[in-house]
PDB file of N, CA and C in Angstrom:
ATOM      1  N   MET A   1     -40.163  18.421 -43.198  1.00  0.00           N
ATOM      2  CA  MET A   1     -39.585  18.298 -44.524  1.00  0.00           C
ATOM      3  C   MET A   1     -40.651  17.795 -45.505  1.00  0.00           C
ATOM      4  N   LYS A   2     -40.707  18.405 -46.644  1.00  0.00           N
ATOM      5  CA  LYS A   2     -41.694  18.059 -47.662  1.00  0.00           C
ATOM      6  C   LYS A   2     -41.257  16.786 -48.392  1.00  0.00           C
ATOM      7  N   ARG A   3     -42.146  15.820 -48.462  1.00  0.00           N
ATOM      8  CA  ARG A   3     -41.841  14.549 -49.124  1.00  0.00           C
ATOM      9  C   ARG A   3     -42.030  14.700 -50.622  1.00  0.00           C
ATOM     10  N   GLU A   4     -41.087  14.173 -51.377  1.00  0.00           N
ATOM     11  CA  GLU A   4     -41.156  14.217 -52.836  1.00  0.00           C
ATOM     12  C   GLU A   4     -40.841  12.834 -53.400  1.00  0.00           C
ATOM     13  N   TRP A   5     -41.418  12.552 -54.559  1.00  0.00           N
ATOM     14  CA  TRP A   5     -41.201  11.278 -55.224  1.00  0.00           C
ATOM     15  C   TRP A   5     -40.760  11.519 -56.659  1.00  0.00           C
ATOM     16  N   LYS A   6     -39.854  10.690 -57.147  1.00  0.00           N
ATOM     17  CA  LYS A   6     -39.482  10.701 -58.561  1.00  0.00           C
ATOM     18  C   LYS A   6     -40.501   9.854 -59.312  1.00  0.00           C
ATOM     19  N   VAL A   7     -40.492   9.965 -60.620  1.00  0.00           N
ATOM     20  CA  VAL A   7     -41.514   9.311 -61.435  1.00  0.00           C
ATOM     21  C   VAL A   7     -41.542   7.798 -61.217  1.00  0.00           C
ATOM     22  N   GLY A   8     -40.404   7.162 -61.112  1.00  0.00           N
ATOM     23  CA  GLY A   8     -40.369   5.715 -60.889  1.00  0.00           C
ATOM     24  C   GLY A   8     -40.951   5.325 -59.544  1.00  0.00           C
ATOM     25  N   GLU A   9     -40.659   6.129 -58.535  1.00  0.00           N
ATOM     26  CA  GLU A   9     -41.195   5.866 -57.200  1.00  0.00           C
ATOM     27  C   GLU A   9     -42.712   6.008 -57.180  1.00  0.00           C
ATOM     28  N   LEU A  10     -43.210   7.064 -57.832  1.00  0.00           N
ATOM     29  CA  LEU A  10     -44.654   7.282 -57.870  1.00  0.00           C
ATOM     30  C   LEU A  10     -45.348   6.189 -58.674  1.00  0.00           C
ATOM     31  N   ALA A  11     -44.735   5.790 -59.781  1.00  0.00           N
ATOM     32  CA  ALA A  11     -45.319   4.726 -60.597  1.00  0.00           C
ATOM     33  C   ALA A  11     -45.481   3.452 -59.772  1.00  0.00           C
ATOM     34  N   LYS A  12     -44.451   3.105 -59.028  1.00  0.00           N
ATOM     35  CA  LYS A  12     -44.509   1.902 -58.190  1.00  0.00           C
ATOM     36  C   LYS A  12     -45.574   2.047 -57.107  1.00  0.00           C
ATOM     37  N   LEU A  13     -45.618   3.214 -56.476  1.00  0.00           N
ATOM     38  CA  LEU A  13     -46.589   3.484 -55.418  1.00  0.00           C
ATOM     39  C   LEU A  13     -48.029   3.387 -55.932  1.00  0.00           C
ATOM     40  N   ALA A  14     -48.258   3.901 -57.148  1.00  0.00           N
ATOM     41  CA  ALA A  14     -49.611   3.956 -57.714  1.00  0.00           C
ATOM     42  C   ALA A  14     -49.992   2.699 -58.496  1.00  0.00           C
ATOM     43  N   GLY A  15     -49.028   1.825 -58.729  1.00  0.00           N
ATOM     44  CA  GLY A  15     -49.316   0.628 -59.515  1.00  0.00           C
ATOM     45  C   GLY A  15     -49.449   0.922 -60.995  1.00  0.00           C
ATOM     46  N   LEU A  16     -48.740   1.947 -61.450  1.00  0.00           N
ATOM     47  CA  LEU A  16     -48.753   2.340 -62.857  1.00  0.00           C
ATOM     48  C   LEU A  16     -47.355   2.170 -63.429  1.00  0.00           C
ATOM     49  N   THR A  17     -47.237   2.366 -64.721  1.00  0.00           N
ATOM     50  CA  THR A  17     -45.912   2.361 -65.334  1.00  0.00           C
ATOM     51  C   THR A  17     -45.413   3.796 -65.452  1.00  0.00           C
ATOM     52  N   VAL A  18     -44.106   3.934 -65.546  1.00  0.00           N
ATOM     53  CA  VAL A  18     -43.510   5.248 -65.779  1.00  0.00           C
ATOM     54  C   VAL A  18     -44.040   5.811 -67.092  1.00  0.00           C
ATOM     55  N   ARG A  19     -44.188   4.937 -68.071  1.00  0.00           N
ATOM     56  CA  ARG A  19     -44.692   5.357 -69.382  1.00  0.00           C
ATOM     57  C   ARG A  19     -46.089   5.977 -69.264  1.00  0.00           C
ATOM     58  N   THR A  20     -46.940   5.396 -68.428  1.00  0.00           N
ATOM     59  CA  THR A  20     -48.292   5.931 -68.227  1.00  0.00           C
ATOM     60  C   THR A  20     -48.235   7.323 -67.620  1.00  0.00           C
ATOM     61  N   LEU A  21     -47.409   7.506 -66.597  1.00  0.00           N
ATOM     62  CA  LEU A  21     -47.290   8.833 -65.973  1.00  0.00           C
ATOM     63  C   LEU A  21     -46.755   9.859 -66.964  1.00  0.00           C
ATOM     64  N   ARG A  22     -45.807   9.462 -67.777  1.00  0.00           N
ATOM     65  CA  ARG A  22     -45.277  10.382 -68.800  1.00  0.00           C
ATOM     66  C   ARG A  22     -46.351  10.720 -69.825  1.00  0.00           C
ATOM     67  N   TYR A  23     -47.170   9.735 -70.186  1.00  0.00           N
ATOM     68  CA  TYR A  23     -48.265   9.974 -71.124  1.00  0.00           C
ATOM     69  C   TYR A  23     -49.281  10.947 -70.530  1.00  0.00           C
ATOM     70  N   TYR A  24     -49.638  10.753 -69.273  1.00  0.00           N
ATOM     71  CA  TYR A  24     -50.563  11.671 -68.614  1.00  0.00           C
ATOM     72  C   TYR A  24     -50.012  13.094 -68.633  1.00  0.00           C
ATOM     73  N   ASP A  25     -48.715  13.230 -68.440  1.00  0.00           N
ATOM     74  CA  ASP A  25     -48.072  14.545 -68.501  1.00  0.00           C
ATOM     75  C   ASP A  25     -48.141  15.095 -69.926  1.00  0.00           C
ATOM     76  N   GLN A  26     -47.859  14.253 -70.897  1.00  0.00           N
ATOM     77  CA  GLN A  26     -47.854  14.660 -72.301  1.00  0.00           C
ATOM     78  C   GLN A  26     -49.218  15.181 -72.754  1.00  0.00           C
ATOM     79  N   ILE A  27     -50.299  14.552 -72.295  1.00  0.00           N
ATOM     80  CA  ILE A  27     -51.642  14.978 -72.722  1.00  0.00           C
ATOM     81  C   ILE A  27     -52.219  16.071 -71.821  1.00  0.00           C
ATOM     82  N   GLY A  28     -51.448  16.484 -70.812  1.00  0.00           N
ATOM     83  CA  GLY A  28     -51.892  17.569 -69.945  1.00  0.00           C
ATOM     84  C   GLY A  28     -52.868  17.144 -68.864  1.00  0.00           C
ATOM     85  N   LEU A  29     -52.931  15.860 -68.577  1.00  0.00           N
ATOM     86  CA  LEU A  29     -53.847  15.357 -67.555  1.00  0.00           C
ATOM     87  C   LEU A  29     -53.241  15.436 -66.162  1.00  0.00           C
ATOM     88  N   PHE A  30     -51.962  15.124 -66.053  1.00  0.00           N
ATOM     89  CA  PHE A  30     -51.311  15.038 -64.748  1.00  0.00           C
ATOM     90  C   PHE A  30     -49.840  15.385 -64.906  1.00  0.00           C
ATOM     91  N   SER A  31     -49.463  16.520 -64.363  1.00  0.00           N
ATOM     92  CA  SER A  31     -48.084  16.986 -64.485  1.00  0.00           C
ATOM     93  C   SER A  31     -47.424  17.055 -63.121  1.00  0.00           C
ATOM     94  N   PRO A  32     -46.106  16.879 -63.096  1.00  0.00           N
ATOM     95  CA  PRO A  32     -45.399  16.966 -61.818  1.00  0.00           C
ATOM     96  C   PRO A  32     -45.356  18.393 -61.303  1.00  0.00           C
ATOM     97  N   SER A  33     -45.161  18.517 -59.997  1.00  0.00           N
ATOM     98  CA  SER A  33     -45.035  19.850 -59.395  1.00  0.00           C
ATOM     99  C   SER A  33     -43.734  20.524 -59.783  1.00  0.00           C
ATOM    100  N   GLY A  34     -42.748  19.734 -60.127  1.00  0.00           N
ATOM    101  CA  GLY A  34     -41.462  20.321 -60.477  1.00  0.00           C
ATOM    102  C   GLY A  34     -40.537  19.311 -61.116  1.00  0.00           C
ATOM    103  N   HIS A  35     -39.312  19.775 -61.325  1.00  0.00           N
ATOM    104  CA  HIS A  35     -38.270  18.940 -61.921  1.00  0.00           C
ATOM    105  C   HIS A  35     -36.966  19.165 -61.162  1.00  0.00           C
ATOM    106  N   THR A  36     -36.139  18.145 -61.145  1.00  0.00           N
ATOM    107  CA  THR A  36     -34.814  18.302 -60.553  1.00  0.00           C
ATOM    108  C   THR A  36     -33.949  19.110 -61.509  1.00  0.00           C
ATOM    109  N   ASP A  37     -32.764  19.472 -61.064  1.00  0.00           N
ATOM    110  CA  ASP A  37     -31.836  20.196 -61.935  1.00  0.00           C
ATOM    111  C   ASP A  37     -31.491  19.387 -63.179  1.00  0.00           C
ATOM    112  N   SER A  38     -31.538  18.077 -63.050  1.00  0.00           N
ATOM    113  CA  SER A  38     -31.220  17.218 -64.194  1.00  0.00           C
ATOM    114  C   SER A  38     -32.455  16.874 -65.036  1.00  0.00           C
ATOM    115  N   GLY A  39     -33.617  17.468 -64.691  1.00  0.00           N
ATOM    116  CA  GLY A  39     -34.813  17.307 -65.507  1.00  0.00           C
ATOM    117  C   GLY A  39     -35.750  16.187 -65.104  1.00  0.00           C
ATOM    118  N   HIS A  40     -35.444  15.476 -64.022  1.00  0.00           N
ATOM    119  CA  HIS A  40     -36.333  14.406 -63.565  1.00  0.00           C
ATOM    120  C   HIS A  40     -37.596  15.000 -62.942  1.00  0.00           C
ATOM    121  N   ARG A  41     -38.723  14.350 -63.218  1.00  0.00           N
ATOM    122  CA  ARG A  41     -39.994  14.800 -62.661  1.00  0.00           C
ATOM    123  C   ARG A  41     -40.023  14.580 -61.149  1.00  0.00           C
ATOM    124  N   ILE A  42     -40.578  15.572 -60.433  1.00  0.00           N
ATOM    125  CA  ILE A  42     -40.712  15.491 -58.981  1.00  0.00           C
ATOM    126  C   ILE A  42     -42.194  15.672 -58.631  1.00  0.00           C
ATOM    127  N   TYR A  43     -42.719  14.742 -57.854  1.00  0.00           N
ATOM    128  CA  TYR A  43     -44.123  14.775 -57.444  1.00  0.00           C
ATOM    129  C   TYR A  43     -44.233  14.985 -55.939  1.00  0.00           C
ATOM    130  N   THR A  44     -45.281  15.686 -55.523  1.00  0.00           N
ATOM    131  CA  THR A  44     -45.511  15.977 -54.109  1.00  0.00           C
ATOM    132  C   THR A  44     -46.787  15.279 -53.638  1.00  0.00           C
ATOM    133  N   GLU A  45     -47.099  15.458 -52.369  1.00  0.00           N
ATOM    134  CA  GLU A  45     -48.313  14.852 -51.813  1.00  0.00           C
ATOM    135  C   GLU A  45     -49.571  15.356 -52.515  1.00  0.00           C
ATOM    136  N   SER A  46     -49.590  16.632 -52.896  1.00  0.00           N
ATOM    137  CA  SER A  46     -50.771  17.152 -53.603  1.00  0.00           C
ATOM    138  C   SER A  46     -50.895  16.509 -54.984  1.00  0.00           C
ATOM    139  N   ASP A  47     -49.764  16.193 -55.608  1.00  0.00           N
ATOM    140  CA  ASP A  47     -49.805  15.480 -56.889  1.00  0.00           C
ATOM    141  C   ASP A  47     -50.406  14.090 -56.703  1.00  0.00           C
ATOM    142  N   ILE A  48     -50.018  13.433 -55.619  1.00  0.00           N
ATOM    143  CA  ILE A  48     -50.545  12.095 -55.348  1.00  0.00           C
ATOM    144  C   ILE A  48     -52.056  12.153 -55.134  1.00  0.00           C
ATOM    145  N   ALA A  49     -52.534  13.171 -54.444  1.00  0.00           N
ATOM    146  CA  ALA A  49     -53.979  13.325 -54.238  1.00  0.00           C
ATOM    147  C   ALA A  49     -54.691  13.497 -55.576  1.00  0.00           C
ATOM    148  N   GLN A  50     -54.101  14.287 -56.469  1.00  0.00           N
ATOM    149  CA  GLN A  50     -54.709  14.485 -57.787  1.00  0.00           C
ATOM    150  C   GLN A  50     -54.690  13.180 -58.584  1.00  0.00           C
ATOM    151  N   LEU A  51     -53.589  12.441 -58.509  1.00  0.00           N
ATOM    152  CA  LEU A  51     -53.513  11.164 -59.216  1.00  0.00           C
ATOM    153  C   LEU A  51     -54.562  10.189 -58.681  1.00  0.00           C
ATOM    154  N   GLN A  52     -54.794  10.203 -57.391  1.00  0.00           N
ATOM    155  CA  GLN A  52     -55.830   9.342 -56.812  1.00  0.00           C
ATOM    156  C   GLN A  52     -57.206   9.696 -57.372  1.00  0.00           C
ATOM    157  N   GLN A  53     -57.474  10.986 -57.551  1.00  0.00           N
ATOM    158  CA  GLN A  53     -58.745  11.407 -58.153  1.00  0.00           C
ATOM    159  C   GLN A  53     -58.854  10.883 -59.579  1.00  0.00           C
ATOM    160  N   ILE A  54     -57.776  11.014 -60.326  1.00  0.00           N
ATOM    161  CA  ILE A  54     -57.764  10.556 -61.718  1.00  0.00           C
ATOM    162  C   ILE A  54     -58.034   9.057 -61.780  1.00  0.00           C
ATOM    163  N   LEU A  55     -57.337   8.298 -60.956  1.00  0.00           N
ATOM    164  CA  LEU A  55     -57.507   6.842 -60.966  1.00  0.00           C
ATOM    165  C   LEU A  55     -58.910   6.438 -60.518  1.00  0.00           C
ATOM    166  N   SER A  56     -59.474   7.167 -59.570  1.00  0.00           N
ATOM    167  CA  SER A  56     -60.844   6.880 -59.122  1.00  0.00           C
ATOM    168  C   SER A  56     -61.846   7.132 -60.240  1.00  0.00           C
ATOM    169  N   LEU A  57     -61.671   8.225 -60.960  1.00  0.00           N
ATOM    170  CA  LEU A  57     -62.576   8.534 -62.071  1.00  0.00           C
ATOM    171  C   LEU A  57     -62.438   7.500 -63.184  1.00  0.00           C
ATOM    172  N   LYS A  58     -61.207   7.068 -63.455  1.00  0.00           N
ATOM    173  CA  LYS A  58     -61.001   6.015 -64.454  1.00  0.00           C
ATOM    174  C   LYS A  58     -61.674   4.721 -64.017  1.00  0.00           C
ATOM    175  N   GLU A  59     -61.583   4.422 -62.735  1.00  0.00           N
ATOM    176  CA  GLU A  59     -62.197   3.203 -62.205  1.00  0.00           C
ATOM    177  C   GLU A  59     -63.718   3.236 -62.357  1.00  0.00           C
ATOM    178  N   LEU A  60     -64.288   4.435 -62.351  1.00  0.00           N
ATOM    179  CA  LEU A  60     -65.731   4.586 -62.558  1.00  0.00           C
ATOM    180  C   LEU A  60     -66.127   4.417 -64.023  1.00  0.00           C
ATOM    181  N   GLY A  61     -65.116   4.298 -64.898  1.00  0.00           N
ATOM    182  CA  GLY A  61     -65.390   4.062 -66.306  1.00  0.00           C
ATOM    183  C   GLY A  61     -65.237   5.269 -67.203  1.00  0.00           C
ATOM    184  N   LEU A  62     -64.760   6.381 -66.677  1.00  0.00           N
ATOM    185  CA  LEU A  62     -64.576   7.568 -67.502  1.00  0.00           C
ATOM    186  C   LEU A  62     -63.345   7.410 -68.391  1.00  0.00           C
ATOM    187  N   SER A  63     -63.423   7.954 -69.595  1.00  0.00           N
ATOM    188  CA  SER A  63     -62.267   7.970 -70.493  1.00  0.00           C
ATOM    189  C   SER A  63     -61.284   9.032 -70.014  1.00  0.00           C
ATOM    190  N   LEU A  64     -60.074   9.005 -70.541  1.00  0.00           N
ATOM    191  CA  LEU A  64     -59.089  10.015 -70.150  1.00  0.00           C
ATOM    192  C   LEU A  64     -59.561  11.417 -70.515  1.00  0.00           C
ATOM    193  N   ASP A  65     -60.227  11.563 -71.659  1.00  0.00           N
ATOM    194  CA  ASP A  65     -60.762  12.876 -72.039  1.00  0.00           C
ATOM    195  C   ASP A  65     -61.819  13.342 -71.040  1.00  0.00           C
ATOM    196  N   GLN A  66     -62.667  12.434 -70.609  1.00  0.00           N
ATOM    197  CA  GLN A  66     -63.693  12.783 -69.625  1.00  0.00           C
ATOM    198  C   GLN A  66     -63.065  13.128 -68.278  1.00  0.00           C
ATOM    199  N   VAL A  67     -62.054  12.367 -67.882  1.00  0.00           N
ATOM    200  CA  VAL A  67     -61.355  12.644 -66.625  1.00  0.00           C
ATOM    201  C   VAL A  67     -60.730  14.029 -66.681  1.00  0.00           C
ATOM    202  N   LYS A  68     -60.082  14.331 -67.795  1.00  0.00           N
ATOM    203  CA  LYS A  68     -59.441  15.644 -67.958  1.00  0.00           C
ATOM    204  C   LYS A  68     -60.476  16.758 -67.859  1.00  0.00           C
ATOM    205  N   SER A  69     -61.626  16.560 -68.473  1.00  0.00           N
ATOM    206  CA  SER A  69     -62.698  17.554 -68.423  1.00  0.00           C
ATOM    207  C   SER A  69     -63.174  17.777 -66.990  1.00  0.00           C
ATOM    208  N   VAL A  70     -63.346  16.698 -66.239  1.00  0.00           N
ATOM    209  CA  VAL A  70     -63.780  16.811 -64.841  1.00  0.00           C
ATOM    210  C   VAL A  70     -62.744  17.572 -64.029  1.00  0.00           C
ATOM    211  N   ILE A  71     -61.472  17.238 -64.200  1.00  0.00           N
ATOM    212  CA  ILE A  71     -60.392  17.892 -63.453  1.00  0.00           C
ATOM    213  C   ILE A  71     -60.336  19.381 -63.797  1.00  0.00           C
ATOM    214  N   GLU A  72     -60.457  19.709 -65.089  1.00  0.00           N
ATOM    215  CA  GLU A  72     -60.418  21.113 -65.512  1.00  0.00           C
ATOM    216  C   GLU A  72     -61.611  21.885 -64.957  1.00  0.00           C
ATOM    217  N   ARG A  73     -62.777  21.278 -64.976  1.00  0.00           N
ATOM    218  CA  ARG A  73     -63.973  21.947 -64.440  1.00  0.00           C
ATOM    219  C   ARG A  73     -63.841  22.177 -62.947  1.00  0.00           C
ATOM    220  N   LYS A  74     -63.266  21.205 -62.254  1.00  0.00           N
ATOM    221  CA  LYS A  74     -63.059  21.350 -60.810  1.00  0.00           C
ATOM    222  C   LYS A  74     -62.122  22.523 -60.541  1.00  0.00           C
ATOM    223  N   ALA A  75     -61.033  22.618 -61.299  1.00  0.00           N
ATOM    224  CA  ALA A  75     -60.082  23.716 -61.118  1.00  0.00           C
ATOM    225  C   ALA A  75     -60.745  25.047 -61.439  1.00  0.00           C
ATOM    226  N   SER A  76     -61.558  25.073 -62.495  1.00  0.00           N
ATOM    227  CA  SER A  76     -62.262  26.294 -62.868  1.00  0.00           C
ATOM    228  C   SER A  76     -63.250  26.697 -61.776  1.00  0.00           C
ATOM    229  N   TRP A  77     -63.985  25.738 -61.250  1.00  0.00           N
ATOM    230  CA  TRP A  77     -64.962  26.000 -60.194  1.00  0.00           C
ATOM    231  C   TRP A  77     -64.265  26.536 -58.953  1.00  0.00           C
ATOM    232  N   GLU A  78     -63.143  25.919 -58.568  1.00  0.00           N
ATOM    233  CA  GLU A  78     -62.401  26.381 -57.396  1.00  0.00           C
ATOM    234  C   GLU A  78     -61.887  27.799 -57.609  1.00  0.00           C
ATOM    235  N   SER A  79     -61.465  28.107 -58.827  1.00  0.00           N
ATOM    236  CA  SER A  79     -61.003  29.454 -59.150  1.00  0.00           C
ATOM    237  C   SER A  79     -62.144  30.459 -59.013  1.00  0.00           C
ATOM    238  N   HIS A  80     -63.326  30.083 -59.505  1.00  0.00           N
ATOM    239  CA  HIS A  80     -64.492  30.963 -59.377  1.00  0.00           C
ATOM    240  C   HIS A  80     -64.835  31.197 -57.911  1.00  0.00           C
ATOM    241  N   LEU A  81     -64.802  30.147 -57.116  1.00  0.00           N
ATOM    242  CA  LEU A  81     -65.106  30.286 -55.690  1.00  0.00           C
ATOM    243  C   LEU A  81     -64.095  31.196 -54.997  1.00  0.00           C
ATOM    244  N   ASP A  82     -62.827  31.077 -55.366  1.00  0.00           N
ATOM    245  CA  ASP A  82     -61.801  31.953 -54.792  1.00  0.00           C
ATOM    246  C   ASP A  82     -62.078  33.412 -55.138  1.00  0.00           C
ATOM    247  N   ARG A  83     -62.445  33.661 -56.402  1.00  0.00           N
ATOM    248  CA  ARG A  83     -62.740  35.039 -56.813  1.00  0.00           C
ATOM    249  C   ARG A  83     -63.975  35.585 -56.106  1.00  0.00           C
ATOM    250  N   ILE A  84     -64.983  34.759 -55.941  1.00  0.00           N
ATOM    251  CA  ILE A  84     -66.185  35.193 -55.217  1.00  0.00           C
ATOM    252  C   ILE A  84     -65.828  35.516 -53.776  1.00  0.00           C
ATOM    253  N   GLY A  85     -65.014  34.666 -53.159  1.00  0.00           N
ATOM    254  CA  GLY A  85     -64.565  34.919 -51.789  1.00  0.00           C
ATOM    255  C   GLY A  85     -63.801  36.221 -51.677  1.00  0.00           C
ATOM    256  N   ASP A  86     -62.908  36.486 -52.630  1.00  0.00           N
ATOM    257  CA  ASP A  86     -62.154  37.743 -52.636  1.00  0.00           C
ATOM    258  C   ASP A  86     -63.095  38.932 -52.790  1.00  0.00           C
ATOM    259  N   PHE A  87     -64.082  38.795 -53.675  1.00  0.00           N
ATOM    260  CA  PHE A  87     -65.055  39.856 -53.908  1.00  0.00           C
ATOM    261  C   PHE A  87     -65.830  40.155 -52.630  1.00  0.00           C
ATOM    262  N   LEU A  88     -66.289  39.102 -51.958  1.00  0.00           N
ATOM    263  CA  LEU A  88     -67.066  39.287 -50.734  1.00  0.00           C
ATOM    264  C   LEU A  88     -66.222  39.858 -49.604  1.00  0.00           C
ATOM    265  N   ASP A  89     -64.951  39.533 -49.576  1.00  0.00           N
ATOM    266  CA  ASP A  89     -64.060  40.063 -48.537  1.00  0.00           C
ATOM    267  C   ASP A  89     -63.886  41.574 -48.648  1.00  0.00           C
ATOM    268  N   GLU A  90     -64.116  42.128 -49.831  1.00  0.00           N
ATOM    269  CA  GLU A  90     -63.937  43.566 -50.044  1.00  0.00           C
ATOM    270  C   GLU A  90     -65.092  44.393 -49.478  1.00  0.00           C
ATOM    271  N   TYR A  91     -66.197  43.759 -49.183  1.00  0.00           N
ATOM    272  CA  TYR A  91     -67.373  44.484 -48.730  1.00  0.00           C
ATOM    273  C   TYR A  91     -67.679  44.161 -47.274  1.00  0.00           C
ATOM    274  N   PRO A  92     -68.118  45.200 -46.522  1.00  0.00           N
ATOM    275  CA  PRO A  92     -68.456  44.952 -45.113  1.00  0.00           C
ATOM    276  C   PRO A  92     -69.695  44.074 -44.998  1.00  0.00           C
ATOM    277  N   ASP A  93     -69.807  43.456 -43.871  1.00  0.00           N
ATOM    278  CA  ASP A  93     -70.955  42.610 -43.568  1.00  0.00           C
ATOM    279  C   ASP A  93     -72.225  43.461 -43.584  1.00  0.00           C
ATOM    280  N   ASP A  94     -73.299  42.962 -44.159  1.00  0.00           N
ATOM    281  CA  ASP A  94     -74.565  43.700 -44.235  1.00  0.00           C
ATOM    282  C   ASP A  94     -75.059  44.107 -42.854  1.00  0.00           C
ATOM    283  N   ASP A  95     -74.886  43.260 -41.860  1.00  0.00           N
ATOM    284  CA  ASP A  95     -75.342  43.571 -40.504  1.00  0.00           C
ATOM    285  C   ASP A  95     -74.626  44.794 -39.950  1.00  0.00           C
ATOM    286  N   SER A  96     -73.333  44.911 -40.212  1.00  0.00           N
ATOM    287  CA  SER A  96     -72.592  46.066 -39.695  1.00  0.00           C
ATOM    288  C   SER A  96     -73.014  47.345 -40.413  1.00  0.00           C
ATOM    289  N   GLN A  97     -73.394  47.244 -41.692  1.00  0.00           N
ATOM    290  CA  GLN A  97     -73.871  48.421 -42.417  1.00  0.00           C
ATOM    291  C   GLN A  97     -75.215  48.877 -41.871  1.00  0.00           C
ATOM    292  N   ARG A  98     -76.084  47.934 -41.544  1.00  0.00           N
ATOM    293  CA  ARG A  98     -77.412  48.280 -41.036  1.00  0.00           C
ATOM    294  C   ARG A  98     -77.316  48.973 -39.683  1.00  0.00           C
ATOM    295  N   ARG A  99     -76.389  48.569 -38.868  1.00  0.00           N
ATOM    296  CA  ARG A  99     -76.253  49.143 -37.539  1.00  0.00           C
ATOM    297  C   ARG A  99     -75.766  50.588 -37.591  1.00  0.00           C
ATOM    298  N   THR A 100     -75.027  50.959 -38.632  1.00  0.00           N
ATOM    299  CA  THR A 100     -74.495  52.319 -38.705  1.00  0.00           C
ATOM    300  C   THR A 100     -75.479  53.293 -39.318  1.00  0.00           C
ATOM    301  N   LYS A 101     -76.553  52.810 -39.884  1.00  0.00           N
ATOM    302  CA  LYS A 101     -77.530  53.700 -40.525  1.00  0.00           C
ATOM    303  C   LYS A 101     -78.573  54.168 -39.550  1.00  0.00           C
TER     304      LYS A 101
END
């Protein structure tokens, strides 16, 4: 079963306020994976991992804008790597091409 946390539970777990988590969502820094039918924010383990990264970067002295930039660049880099992997998967291995010639 997948573990999920509501905003108050996550705030307590992370040592933050609910207001801080809502602010992070408002500025596009950290958003929940989903919402309940009644609109409550729902966070998953992957959200907690991302929040840990954010808090670690803040602890290093980065501003929220700098943290957001790092997170966005990481997502962009991972996207590029995925596309490169897909591109390479479309082509046969060079060794197998050499053997057939």
